[in-house]
Amino acid sequence: MTQDITISEAQQQVDHWIKTIGVRYFHQLTNMAILTEEVGELARIIARRYGEQSEKESDKNHDLGDEMADVLWVLMCLANQCDVDLTEALQKNIEKKTNRDKDRHKNNPKLNS
């Protein structure tokens, strides 16, 4: 059974792993390229599993959660390197979206049909 962890705890665990097992962080530009690669892998699986493309035999064994965790891992690496507290950033982002879009989606006829 896994134990729930906060975003902050996850950032700390990633940082600890990088510093003890991973030796050091890759440069931010390298991690940005890796993040793009990981998002592409996730997109490929989703496009083939849920979209119109047929799923290749080699893609059927990919764990969607693991692919999402790869994206989250690299994002946390970048956040740590750039001194971003993802908990705080996410809370501010939710508040921004709530204030900006409080009526927008309710009044969108495309969403209410």
PDB file of N, CA and C in Angstrom:
ATOM      1  N   MET A   1       0.837  -1.177   0.000  1.00  0.00           N
ATOM      2  CA  MET A   1       0.000   0.000   0.000  1.00  0.00           C
ATOM      3  C   MET A   1       0.886   1.245   0.000  1.00  0.00           C
ATOM      4  N   THR A   2       0.581   2.172  -0.901  1.00  0.00           N
ATOM      5  CA  THR A   2       1.366   3.392  -0.962  1.00  0.00           C
ATOM      6  C   THR A   2       0.793   4.450  -0.031  1.00  0.00           C
ATOM      7  N   GLN A   3       1.661   5.319   0.428  1.00  0.00           N
ATOM      8  CA  GLN A   3       1.254   6.396   1.318  1.00  0.00           C
ATOM      9  C   GLN A   3       1.129   7.675   0.502  1.00  0.00           C
ATOM     10  N   ASP A   4       0.054   8.424   0.739  1.00  0.00           N
ATOM     11  CA  ASP A   4      -0.115   9.704   0.057  1.00  0.00           C
ATOM     12  C   ASP A   4       0.991  10.660   0.490  1.00  0.00           C
ATOM     13  N   ILE A   5       1.460  11.449  -0.469  1.00  0.00           N
ATOM     14  CA  ILE A   5       2.446  12.471  -0.159  1.00  0.00           C
ATOM     15  C   ILE A   5       1.983  13.790  -0.775  1.00  0.00           C
ATOM     16  N   THR A   6       2.419  14.867  -0.185  1.00  0.00           N
ATOM     17  CA  THR A   6       2.086  16.179  -0.722  1.00  0.00           C
ATOM     18  C   THR A   6       3.006  16.483  -1.904  1.00  0.00           C
ATOM     19  N   ILE A   7       2.668  17.511  -2.633  1.00  0.00           N
ATOM     20  CA  ILE A   7       3.532  17.945  -3.731  1.00  0.00           C
ATOM     21  C   ILE A   7       4.886  18.372  -3.174  1.00  0.00           C
ATOM     22  N   SER A   8       4.870  19.077  -2.067  1.00  0.00           N
ATOM     23  CA  SER A   8       6.115  19.522  -1.432  1.00  0.00           C
ATOM     24  C   SER A   8       6.987  18.342  -1.025  1.00  0.00           C
ATOM     25  N   GLU A   9       6.364  17.327  -0.435  1.00  0.00           N
ATOM     26  CA  GLU A   9       7.112  16.128  -0.060  1.00  0.00           C
ATOM     27  C   GLU A   9       7.677  15.427  -1.289  1.00  0.00           C
ATOM     28  N   ALA A  10       6.912  15.399  -2.354  1.00  0.00           N
ATOM     29  CA  ALA A  10       7.389  14.775  -3.591  1.00  0.00           C
ATOM     30  C   ALA A  10       8.588  15.540  -4.149  1.00  0.00           C
ATOM     31  N   GLN A  11       8.514  16.875  -4.126  1.00  0.00           N
ATOM     32  CA  GLN A  11       9.660  17.664  -4.578  1.00  0.00           C
ATOM     33  C   GLN A  11      10.890  17.359  -3.730  1.00  0.00           C
ATOM     34  N   GLN A  12      10.702  17.222  -2.435  1.00  0.00           N
ATOM     35  CA  GLN A  12      11.821  16.912  -1.537  1.00  0.00           C
ATOM     36  C   GLN A  12      12.382  15.519  -1.825  1.00  0.00           C
ATOM     37  N   GLN A  13      11.512  14.550  -2.093  1.00  0.00           N
ATOM     38  CA  GLN A  13      11.969  13.195  -2.395  1.00  0.00           C
ATOM     39  C   GLN A  13      12.752  13.163  -3.700  1.00  0.00           C
ATOM     40  N   VAL A  14      12.276  13.889  -4.703  1.00  0.00           N
ATOM     41  CA  VAL A  14      13.002  13.958  -5.977  1.00  0.00           C
ATOM     42  C   VAL A  14      14.374  14.588  -5.747  1.00  0.00           C
ATOM     43  N   ASP A  15      14.412  15.682  -4.993  1.00  0.00           N
ATOM     44  CA  ASP A  15      15.678  16.357  -4.713  1.00  0.00           C
ATOM     45  C   ASP A  15      16.644  15.423  -3.990  1.00  0.00           C
ATOM     46  N   HIS A  16      16.150  14.704  -2.996  1.00  0.00           N
ATOM     47  CA  HIS A  16      16.996  13.760  -2.254  1.00  0.00           C
ATOM     48  C   HIS A  16      17.524  12.669  -3.190  1.00  0.00           C
ATOM     49  N   TRP A  17      16.663  12.127  -4.044  1.00  0.00           N
ATOM     50  CA  TRP A  17      17.078  11.075  -4.971  1.00  0.00           C
ATOM     51  C   TRP A  17      18.153  11.590  -5.927  1.00  0.00           C
ATOM     52  N   ILE A  18      17.921  12.777  -6.476  1.00  0.00           N
ATOM     53  CA  ILE A  18      18.898  13.358  -7.409  1.00  0.00           C
ATOM     54  C   ILE A  18      20.254  13.516  -6.723  1.00  0.00           C
ATOM     55  N   LYS A  19      20.270  14.011  -5.514  1.00  0.00           N
ATOM     56  CA  LYS A  19      21.525  14.307  -4.818  1.00  0.00           C
ATOM     57  C   LYS A  19      22.215  13.069  -4.264  1.00  0.00           C
ATOM     58  N   THR A  20      21.488  11.964  -4.075  1.00  0.00           N
ATOM     59  CA  THR A  20      22.111  10.775  -3.502  1.00  0.00           C
ATOM     60  C   THR A  20      22.311   9.650  -4.518  1.00  0.00           C
ATOM     61  N   ILE A  21      21.418   9.533  -5.471  1.00  0.00           N
ATOM     62  CA  ILE A  21      21.505   8.452  -6.460  1.00  0.00           C
ATOM     63  C   ILE A  21      21.829   8.990  -7.853  1.00  0.00           C
ATOM     64  N   GLY A  22      21.216  10.098  -8.183  1.00  0.00           N
ATOM     65  CA  GLY A  22      21.410  10.669  -9.515  1.00  0.00           C
ATOM     66  C   GLY A  22      22.658  11.515  -9.655  1.00  0.00           C
ATOM     67  N   VAL A  23      23.399  11.710  -8.580  1.00  0.00           N
ATOM     68  CA  VAL A  23      24.649  12.474  -8.500  1.00  0.00           C
ATOM     69  C   VAL A  23      24.395  13.976  -8.537  1.00  0.00           C
ATOM     70  N   ARG A  24      23.717  14.471  -9.582  1.00  0.00           N
ATOM     71  CA  ARG A  24      23.416  15.899  -9.676  1.00  0.00           C
ATOM     72  C   ARG A  24      22.299  16.088 -10.689  1.00  0.00           C
ATOM     73  N   TYR A  25      21.725  17.284 -10.672  1.00  0.00           N
ATOM     74  CA  TYR A  25      20.701  17.624 -11.660  1.00  0.00           C
ATOM     75  C   TYR A  25      21.350  17.820 -13.027  1.00  0.00           C
ATOM     76  N   PHE A  26      20.637  17.427 -14.069  1.00  0.00           N
ATOM     77  CA  PHE A  26      21.039  17.824 -15.416  1.00  0.00           C
ATOM     78  C   PHE A  26      20.781  19.326 -15.525  1.00  0.00           C
ATOM     79  N   HIS A  27      21.425  19.964 -16.482  1.00  0.00           N
ATOM     80  CA  HIS A  27      21.197  21.383 -16.730  1.00  0.00           C
ATOM     81  C   HIS A  27      19.710  21.604 -17.037  1.00  0.00           C
ATOM     82  N   GLN A  28      19.198  22.781 -16.704  1.00  0.00           N
ATOM     83  CA  GLN A  28      17.787  23.080 -16.927  1.00  0.00           C
ATOM     84  C   GLN A  28      17.369  22.888 -18.385  1.00  0.00           C
ATOM     85  N   LEU A  29      18.234  23.272 -19.314  1.00  0.00           N
ATOM     86  CA  LEU A  29      17.887  23.101 -20.736  1.00  0.00           C
ATOM     87  C   LEU A  29      17.815  21.621 -21.114  1.00  0.00           C
ATOM     88  N   THR A  30      18.692  20.817 -20.543  1.00  0.00           N
ATOM     89  CA  THR A  30      18.629  19.370 -20.765  1.00  0.00           C
ATOM     90  C   THR A  30      17.328  18.819 -20.203  1.00  0.00           C
ATOM     91  N   ASN A  31      16.985  19.236 -18.983  1.00  0.00           N
ATOM     92  CA  ASN A  31      15.739  18.758 -18.382  1.00  0.00           C
ATOM     93  C   ASN A  31      14.516  19.236 -19.161  1.00  0.00           C
ATOM     94  N   MET A  32      14.578  20.421 -19.738  1.00  0.00           N
ATOM     95  CA  MET A  32      13.454  20.887 -20.559  1.00  0.00           C
ATOM     96  C   MET A  32      13.294  19.993 -21.781  1.00  0.00           C
ATOM     97  N   ALA A  33      14.400  19.604 -22.387  1.00  0.00           N
ATOM     98  CA  ALA A  33      14.340  18.688 -23.532  1.00  0.00           C
ATOM     99  C   ALA A  33      13.800  17.321 -23.103  1.00  0.00           C
ATOM    100  N   ILE A  34      14.230  16.847 -21.944  1.00  0.00           N
ATOM    101  CA  ILE A  34      13.745  15.564 -21.427  1.00  0.00           C
ATOM    102  C   ILE A  34      12.249  15.647 -21.126  1.00  0.00           C
ATOM    103  N   LEU A  35      11.803  16.773 -20.558  1.00  0.00           N
ATOM    104  CA  LEU A  35      10.379  16.955 -20.276  1.00  0.00           C
ATOM    105  C   LEU A  35       9.571  16.890 -21.568  1.00  0.00           C
ATOM    106  N   THR A  36      10.063  17.535 -22.596  1.00  0.00           N
ATOM    107  CA  THR A  36       9.385  17.513 -23.898  1.00  0.00           C
ATOM    108  C   THR A  36       9.308  16.087 -24.434  1.00  0.00           C
ATOM    109  N   GLU A  37      10.387  15.353 -24.298  1.00  0.00           N
ATOM    110  CA  GLU A  37      10.418  13.951 -24.736  1.00  0.00           C
ATOM    111  C   GLU A  37       9.396  13.118 -23.955  1.00  0.00           C
ATOM    112  N   GLU A  38       9.352  13.302 -22.643  1.00  0.00           N
ATOM    113  CA  GLU A  38       8.421  12.531 -21.813  1.00  0.00           C
ATOM    114  C   GLU A  38       6.968  12.879 -22.137  1.00  0.00           C
ATOM    115  N   VAL A  39       6.673  14.154 -22.365  1.00  0.00           N
ATOM    116  CA  VAL A  39       5.318  14.550 -22.749  1.00  0.00           C
ATOM    117  C   VAL A  39       4.960  13.924 -24.094  1.00  0.00           C
ATOM    118  N   GLY A  40       5.917  13.851 -25.005  1.00  0.00           N
ATOM    119  CA  GLY A  40       5.680  13.206 -26.299  1.00  0.00           C
ATOM    120  C   GLY A  40       5.357  11.729 -26.149  1.00  0.00           C
ATOM    121  N   GLU A  41       6.054  11.050 -25.258  1.00  0.00           N
ATOM    122  CA  GLU A  41       5.768   9.630 -25.016  1.00  0.00           C
ATOM    123  C   GLU A  41       4.369   9.459 -24.449  1.00  0.00           C
ATOM    124  N   LEU A  42       3.986  10.315 -23.521  1.00  0.00           N
ATOM    125  CA  LEU A  42       2.650  10.273 -22.944  1.00  0.00           C
ATOM    126  C   LEU A  42       1.597  10.551 -24.018  1.00  0.00           C
ATOM    127  N   ALA A  43       1.852  11.546 -24.854  1.00  0.00           N
ATOM    128  CA  ALA A  43       0.909  11.895 -25.918  1.00  0.00           C
ATOM    129  C   ALA A  43       0.727  10.735 -26.895  1.00  0.00           C
ATOM    130  N   ARG A  44       1.817  10.057 -27.225  1.00  0.00           N
ATOM    131  CA  ARG A  44       1.729   8.923 -28.152  1.00  0.00           C
ATOM    132  C   ARG A  44       0.830   7.826 -27.588  1.00  0.00           C
ATOM    133  N   ILE A  45       1.010   7.502 -26.315  1.00  0.00           N
ATOM    134  CA  ILE A  45       0.199   6.449 -25.694  1.00  0.00           C
ATOM    135  C   ILE A  45      -1.271   6.866 -25.658  1.00  0.00           C
ATOM    136  N   ILE A  46      -1.556   8.088 -25.247  1.00  0.00           N
ATOM    137  CA  ILE A  46      -2.945   8.548 -25.171  1.00  0.00           C
ATOM    138  C   ILE A  46      -3.576   8.612 -26.558  1.00  0.00           C
ATOM    139  N   ALA A  47      -2.830   9.106 -27.545  1.00  0.00           N
ATOM    140  CA  ALA A  47      -3.367   9.196 -28.907  1.00  0.00           C
ATOM    141  C   ALA A  47      -3.721   7.823 -29.456  1.00  0.00           C
ATOM    142  N   ARG A  48      -2.920   6.837 -29.153  1.00  0.00           N
ATOM    143  CA  ARG A  48      -3.165   5.493 -29.685  1.00  0.00           C
ATOM    144  C   ARG A  48      -4.177   4.718 -28.859  1.00  0.00           C
ATOM    145  N   ARG A  49      -4.201   4.980 -27.562  1.00  0.00           N
ATOM    146  CA  ARG A  49      -5.115   4.231 -26.697  1.00  0.00           C
ATOM    147  C   ARG A  49      -6.532   4.820 -26.711  1.00  0.00           C
ATOM    148  N   TYR A  50      -6.629   6.159 -26.809  1.00  0.00           N
ATOM    149  CA  TYR A  50      -7.934   6.810 -26.721  1.00  0.00           C
ATOM    150  C   TYR A  50      -8.330   7.558 -27.984  1.00  0.00           C
ATOM    151  N   GLY A  51      -7.388   7.751 -28.895  1.00  0.00           N
ATOM    152  CA  GLY A  51      -7.679   8.473 -30.126  1.00  0.00           C
ATOM    153  C   GLY A  51      -7.982   7.531 -31.281  1.00  0.00           C
ATOM    154  N   GLU A  52      -7.906   8.064 -32.462  1.00  0.00           N
ATOM    155  CA  GLU A  52      -8.263   7.304 -33.649  1.00  0.00           C
ATOM    156  C   GLU A  52      -7.161   6.365 -34.135  1.00  0.00           C
ATOM    157  N   GLN A  53      -5.916   6.631 -33.750  1.00  0.00           N
ATOM    158  CA  GLN A  53      -4.830   5.754 -34.178  1.00  0.00           C
ATOM    159  C   GLN A  53      -4.946   4.390 -33.521  1.00  0.00           C
ATOM    160  N   SER A  54      -4.540   3.364 -34.251  1.00  0.00           N
ATOM    161  CA  SER A  54      -4.511   2.037 -33.632  1.00  0.00           C
ATOM    162  C   SER A  54      -3.264   1.939 -32.756  1.00  0.00           C
ATOM    163  N   GLU A  55      -3.409   1.203 -31.680  1.00  0.00           N
ATOM    164  CA  GLU A  55      -2.305   1.061 -30.735  1.00  0.00           C
ATOM    165  C   GLU A  55      -1.349  -0.007 -31.242  1.00  0.00           C
ATOM    166  N   LYS A  56      -0.078   0.354 -31.303  1.00  0.00           N
ATOM    167  CA  LYS A  56       0.935  -0.614 -31.709  1.00  0.00           C
ATOM    168  C   LYS A  56       1.107  -1.648 -30.611  1.00  0.00           C
ATOM    169  N   GLU A  57       1.464  -2.841 -31.002  1.00  0.00           N
ATOM    170  CA  GLU A  57       1.676  -3.914 -30.025  1.00  0.00           C
ATOM    171  C   GLU A  57       2.704  -3.495 -28.976  1.00  0.00           C
ATOM    172  N   SER A  58       3.746  -2.779 -29.412  1.00  0.00           N
ATOM    173  CA  SER A  58       4.811  -2.360 -28.493  1.00  0.00           C
ATOM    174  C   SER A  58       4.331  -1.304 -27.496  1.00  0.00           C
ATOM    175  N   ASP A  59       3.213  -0.620 -27.784  1.00  0.00           N
ATOM    176  CA  ASP A  59       2.691   0.403 -26.878  1.00  0.00           C
ATOM    177  C   ASP A  59       1.694  -0.154 -25.872  1.00  0.00           C
ATOM    178  N   LYS A  60       1.168  -1.323 -26.116  1.00  0.00           N
ATOM    179  CA  LYS A  60       0.105  -1.865 -25.269  1.00  0.00           C
ATOM    180  C   LYS A  60       0.575  -2.153 -23.844  1.00  0.00           C
ATOM    181  N   ASN A  61       1.853  -2.384 -23.661  1.00  0.00           N
ATOM    182  CA  ASN A  61       2.375  -2.695 -22.325  1.00  0.00           C
ATOM    183  C   ASN A  61       2.805  -1.458 -21.542  1.00  0.00           C
ATOM    184  N   HIS A  62       2.722  -0.275 -22.168  1.00  0.00           N
ATOM    185  CA  HIS A  62       3.117   0.941 -21.465  1.00  0.00           C
ATOM    186  C   HIS A  62       2.085   1.290 -20.400  1.00  0.00           C
ATOM    187  N   ASP A  63       2.567   1.548 -19.214  1.00  0.00           N
ATOM    188  CA  ASP A  63       1.730   1.940 -18.088  1.00  0.00           C
ATOM    189  C   ASP A  63       1.496   3.447 -18.167  1.00  0.00           C
ATOM    190  N   LEU A  64       0.254   3.840 -18.386  1.00  0.00           N
ATOM    191  CA  LEU A  64      -0.079   5.249 -18.535  1.00  0.00           C
ATOM    192  C   LEU A  64       0.317   6.051 -17.294  1.00  0.00           C
ATOM    193  N   GLY A  65       0.080   5.497 -16.112  1.00  0.00           N
ATOM    194  CA  GLY A  65       0.459   6.175 -14.877  1.00  0.00           C
ATOM    195  C   GLY A  65       1.958   6.392 -14.774  1.00  0.00           C
ATOM    196  N   ASP A  66       2.729   5.404 -15.216  1.00  0.00           N
ATOM    197  CA  ASP A  66       4.180   5.527 -15.196  1.00  0.00           C
ATOM    198  C   ASP A  66       4.644   6.626 -16.153  1.00  0.00           C
ATOM    199  N   GLU A  67       3.993   6.709 -17.315  1.00  0.00           N
ATOM    200  CA  GLU A  67       4.338   7.768 -18.276  1.00  0.00           C
ATOM    201  C   GLU A  67       4.022   9.142 -17.686  1.00  0.00           C
ATOM    202  N   MET A  68       2.891   9.262 -16.995  1.00  0.00           N
ATOM    203  CA  MET A  68       2.546  10.538 -16.354  1.00  0.00           C
ATOM    204  C   MET A  68       3.531  10.857 -15.242  1.00  0.00           C
ATOM    205  N   ALA A  69       3.947   9.837 -14.485  1.00  0.00           N
ATOM    206  CA  ALA A  69       4.915  10.046 -13.405  1.00  0.00           C
ATOM    207  C   ALA A  69       6.265  10.507 -13.959  1.00  0.00           C
ATOM    208  N   ASP A  70       6.661  10.013 -15.140  1.00  0.00           N
ATOM    209  CA  ASP A  70       7.899  10.483 -15.771  1.00  0.00           C
ATOM    210  C   ASP A  70       7.828  11.984 -16.037  1.00  0.00           C
ATOM    211  N   VAL A  71       6.675  12.446 -16.536  1.00  0.00           N
ATOM    212  CA  VAL A  71       6.483  13.874 -16.794  1.00  0.00           C
ATOM    213  C   VAL A  71       6.567  14.651 -15.481  1.00  0.00           C
ATOM    214  N   LEU A  72       5.881  14.156 -14.462  1.00  0.00           N
ATOM    215  CA  LEU A  72       5.866  14.823 -13.167  1.00  0.00           C
ATOM    216  C   LEU A  72       7.263  14.872 -12.550  1.00  0.00           C
ATOM    217  N   TRP A  73       8.016  13.794 -12.686  1.00  0.00           N
ATOM    218  CA  TRP A  73       9.383  13.723 -12.148  1.00  0.00           C
ATOM    219  C   TRP A  73      10.254  14.838 -12.730  1.00  0.00           C
ATOM    220  N   VAL A  74      10.272  14.946 -14.049  1.00  0.00           N
ATOM    221  CA  VAL A  74      11.135  15.943 -14.683  1.00  0.00           C
ATOM    222  C   VAL A  74      10.633  17.352 -14.368  1.00  0.00           C
ATOM    223  N   LEU A  75       9.316  17.527 -14.304  1.00  0.00           N
ATOM    224  CA  LEU A  75       8.776  18.836 -13.935  1.00  0.00           C
ATOM    225  C   LEU A  75       9.224  19.219 -12.527  1.00  0.00           C
ATOM    226  N   MET A  76       9.237  18.252 -11.621  1.00  0.00           N
ATOM    227  CA  MET A  76       9.701  18.526 -10.257  1.00  0.00           C
ATOM    228  C   MET A  76      11.192  18.825 -10.224  1.00  0.00           C
ATOM    229  N   CYS A  77      11.953  18.153 -11.064  1.00  0.00           N
ATOM    230  CA  CYS A  77      13.381  18.480 -11.162  1.00  0.00           C
ATOM    231  C   CYS A  77      13.557  19.933 -11.573  1.00  0.00           C
ATOM    232  N   LEU A  78      12.839  20.348 -12.601  1.00  0.00           N
ATOM    233  CA  LEU A  78      12.934  21.733 -13.065  1.00  0.00           C
ATOM    234  C   LEU A  78      12.470  22.714 -11.984  1.00  0.00           C
ATOM    235  N   ALA A  79      11.393  22.379 -11.302  1.00  0.00           N
ATOM    236  CA  ALA A  79      10.907  23.252 -10.232  1.00  0.00           C
ATOM    237  C   ALA A  79      11.968  23.397  -9.147  1.00  0.00           C
ATOM    238  N   ASN A  80      12.577  22.297  -8.755  1.00  0.00           N
ATOM    239  CA  ASN A  80      13.631  22.353  -7.737  1.00  0.00           C
ATOM    240  C   ASN A  80      14.796  23.208  -8.203  1.00  0.00           C
ATOM    241  N   GLN A  81      15.201  23.027  -9.445  1.00  0.00           N
ATOM    242  CA  GLN A  81      16.339  23.779  -9.967  1.00  0.00           C
ATOM    243  C   GLN A  81      16.050  25.270 -10.080  1.00  0.00           C
ATOM    244  N   CYS A  82      14.801  25.609 -10.330  1.00  0.00           N
ATOM    245  CA  CYS A  82      14.422  27.013 -10.542  1.00  0.00           C
ATOM    246  C   CYS A  82      13.796  27.634  -9.300  1.00  0.00           C
ATOM    247  N   ASP A  83      13.913  26.926  -8.163  1.00  0.00           N
ATOM    248  CA  ASP A  83      13.383  27.413  -6.885  1.00  0.00           C
ATOM    249  C   ASP A  83      11.891  27.740  -6.947  1.00  0.00           C
ATOM    250  N   VAL A  84      11.129  26.845  -7.564  1.00  0.00           N
ATOM    251  CA  VAL A  84       9.675  27.006  -7.643  1.00  0.00           C
ATOM    252  C   VAL A  84       9.026  26.027  -6.673  1.00  0.00           C
ATOM    253  N   ASP A  85       8.211  26.547  -5.789  1.00  0.00           N
ATOM    254  CA  ASP A  85       7.407  25.736  -4.883  1.00  0.00           C
ATOM    255  C   ASP A  85       6.129  25.392  -5.652  1.00  0.00           C
ATOM    256  N   LEU A  86       6.031  24.151  -6.108  1.00  0.00           N
ATOM    257  CA  LEU A  86       4.899  23.769  -6.946  1.00  0.00           C
ATOM    258  C   LEU A  86       3.567  23.819  -6.207  1.00  0.00           C
ATOM    259  N   THR A  87       3.571  23.593  -4.915  1.00  0.00           N
ATOM    260  CA  THR A  87       2.326  23.708  -4.142  1.00  0.00           C
ATOM    261  C   THR A  87       1.804  25.132  -4.222  1.00  0.00           C
ATOM    262  N   GLU A  88       2.673  26.076  -3.929  1.00  0.00           N
ATOM    263  CA  GLU A  88       2.301  27.489  -3.977  1.00  0.00           C
ATOM    264  C   GLU A  88       1.921  27.902  -5.400  1.00  0.00           C
ATOM    265  N   ALA A  89       2.695  27.459  -6.368  1.00  0.00           N
ATOM    266  CA  ALA A  89       2.424  27.822  -7.765  1.00  0.00           C
ATOM    267  C   ALA A  89       1.069  27.273  -8.212  1.00  0.00           C
ATOM    268  N   LEU A  90       0.767  26.030  -7.831  1.00  0.00           N
ATOM    269  CA  LEU A  90      -0.506  25.432  -8.222  1.00  0.00           C
ATOM    270  C   LEU A  90      -1.668  26.147  -7.544  1.00  0.00           C
ATOM    271  N   GLN A  91      -1.531  26.475  -6.274  1.00  0.00           N
ATOM    272  CA  GLN A  91      -2.598  27.193  -5.575  1.00  0.00           C
ATOM    273  C   GLN A  91      -2.871  28.545  -6.229  1.00  0.00           C
ATOM    274  N   LYS A  92      -1.811  29.274  -6.579  1.00  0.00           N
ATOM    275  CA  LYS A  92      -1.975  30.564  -7.253  1.00  0.00           C
ATOM    276  C   LYS A  92      -2.610  30.373  -8.624  1.00  0.00           C
ATOM    277  N   ASN A  93      -2.235  29.310  -9.321  1.00  0.00           N
ATOM    278  CA  ASN A  93      -2.768  29.045 -10.651  1.00  0.00           C
ATOM    279  C   ASN A  93      -4.257  28.723 -10.596  1.00  0.00           C
ATOM    280  N   ILE A  94      -4.665  27.930  -9.606  1.00  0.00           N
ATOM    281  CA  ILE A  94      -6.088  27.605  -9.443  1.00  0.00           C
ATOM    282  C   ILE A  94      -6.881  28.880  -9.155  1.00  0.00           C
ATOM    283  N   GLU A  95      -6.336  29.719  -8.287  1.00  0.00           N
ATOM    284  CA  GLU A  95      -7.005  30.989  -7.968  1.00  0.00           C
ATOM    285  C   GLU A  95      -7.118  31.865  -9.218  1.00  0.00           C
ATOM    286  N   LYS A  96      -6.053  31.943  -9.993  1.00  0.00           N
ATOM    287  CA  LYS A  96      -6.072  32.740 -11.221  1.00  0.00           C
ATOM    288  C   LYS A  96      -7.145  32.225 -12.178  1.00  0.00           C
ATOM    289  N   LYS A  97      -7.173  30.924 -12.396  1.00  0.00           N
ATOM    290  CA  LYS A  97      -8.150  30.336 -13.314  1.00  0.00           C
ATOM    291  C   LYS A  97      -9.578  30.520 -12.799  1.00  0.00           C
ATOM    292  N   THR A  98      -9.763  30.404 -11.484  1.00  0.00           N
ATOM    293  CA  THR A  98     -11.088  30.572 -10.892  1.00  0.00           C
ATOM    294  C   THR A  98     -11.586  31.990 -11.109  1.00  0.00           C
ATOM    295  N   ASN A  99     -10.740  32.960 -10.838  1.00  0.00           N
ATOM    296  CA  ASN A  99     -11.135  34.369 -11.025  1.00  0.00           C
ATOM    297  C   ASN A  99     -11.364  34.701 -12.496  1.00  0.00           C
ATOM    298  N   ARG A 100     -10.510  34.214 -13.341  1.00  0.00           N
ATOM    299  CA  ARG A 100     -10.592  34.531 -14.767  1.00  0.00           C
ATOM    300  C   ARG A 100     -11.756  33.823 -15.453  1.00  0.00           C
ATOM    301  N   ASP A 101     -12.013  32.579 -15.055  1.00  0.00           N
ATOM    302  CA  ASP A 101     -12.943  31.738 -15.808  1.00  0.00           C
ATOM    303  C   ASP A 101     -14.216  31.385 -15.049  1.00  0.00           C
ATOM    304  N   LYS A 102     -14.531  32.128 -13.980  1.00  0.00           N
ATOM    305  CA  LYS A 102     -15.654  31.724 -13.125  1.00  0.00           C
ATOM    306  C   LYS A 102     -16.967  31.585 -13.897  1.00  0.00           C
ATOM    307  N   ASP A 103     -17.175  32.371 -14.940  1.00  0.00           N
ATOM    308  CA  ASP A 103     -18.404  32.267 -15.737  1.00  0.00           C
ATOM    309  C   ASP A 103     -18.143  31.805 -17.164  1.00  0.00           C
ATOM    310  N   ARG A 104     -16.918  31.864 -17.583  1.00  0.00           N
ATOM    311  CA  ARG A 104     -16.571  31.584 -18.976  1.00  0.00           C
ATOM    312  C   ARG A 104     -17.049  30.213 -19.449  1.00  0.00           C
ATOM    313  N   HIS A 105     -16.756  29.171 -18.704  1.00  0.00           N
ATOM    314  CA  HIS A 105     -17.103  27.819 -19.145  1.00  0.00           C
ATOM    315  C   HIS A 105     -18.595  27.538 -18.985  1.00  0.00           C
ATOM    316  N   LYS A 106     -19.211  28.123 -17.946  1.00  0.00           N
ATOM    317  CA  LYS A 106     -20.658  27.963 -17.759  1.00  0.00           C
ATOM    318  C   LYS A 106     -21.433  28.585 -18.913  1.00  0.00           C
ATOM    319  N   ASN A 107     -20.896  29.669 -19.467  1.00  0.00           N
ATOM    320  CA  ASN A 107     -21.572  30.387 -20.546  1.00  0.00           C
ATOM    321  C   ASN A 107     -21.125  29.951 -21.937  1.00  0.00           C
ATOM    322  N   ASN A 108     -20.305  28.930 -22.017  1.00  0.00           N
ATOM    323  CA  ASN A 108     -19.820  28.454 -23.305  1.00  0.00           C
ATOM    324  C   ASN A 108     -20.827  27.466 -23.896  1.00  0.00           C
ATOM    325  N   PRO A 109     -21.508  27.843 -24.980  1.00  0.00           N
ATOM    326  CA  PRO A 109     -22.514  26.939 -25.565  1.00  0.00           C
ATOM    327  C   PRO A 109     -21.909  25.632 -26.073  1.00  0.00           C
ATOM    328  N   LYS A 110     -20.639  25.633 -26.395  1.00  0.00           N
ATOM    329  CA  LYS A 110     -19.982  24.409 -26.862  1.00  0.00           C
ATOM    330  C   LYS A 110     -19.894  23.362 -25.751  1.00  0.00           C
ATOM    331  N   LEU A 111     -19.845  23.816 -24.507  1.00  0.00           N
ATOM    332  CA  LEU A 111     -19.734  22.907 -23.364  1.00  0.00           C
ATOM    333  C   LEU A 111     -21.093  22.531 -22.800  1.00  0.00           C
ATOM    334  N   ASN A 112     -22.105  23.258 -23.168  1.00  0.00           N
ATOM    335  CA  ASN A 112     -23.437  23.046 -22.600  1.00  0.00           C
ATOM    336  C   ASN A 112     -24.426  22.475 -23.595  1.00  0.00           C
ATOM    337  N   SER A 113     -23.910  21.798 -24.586  1.00  0.00           N
ATOM    338  CA  SER A 113     -24.836  21.204 -25.579  1.00  0.00           C
ATOM    339  C   SER A 113     -24.960  19.719 -25.413  1.00  0.00           C
TER     340      SER A 113
END
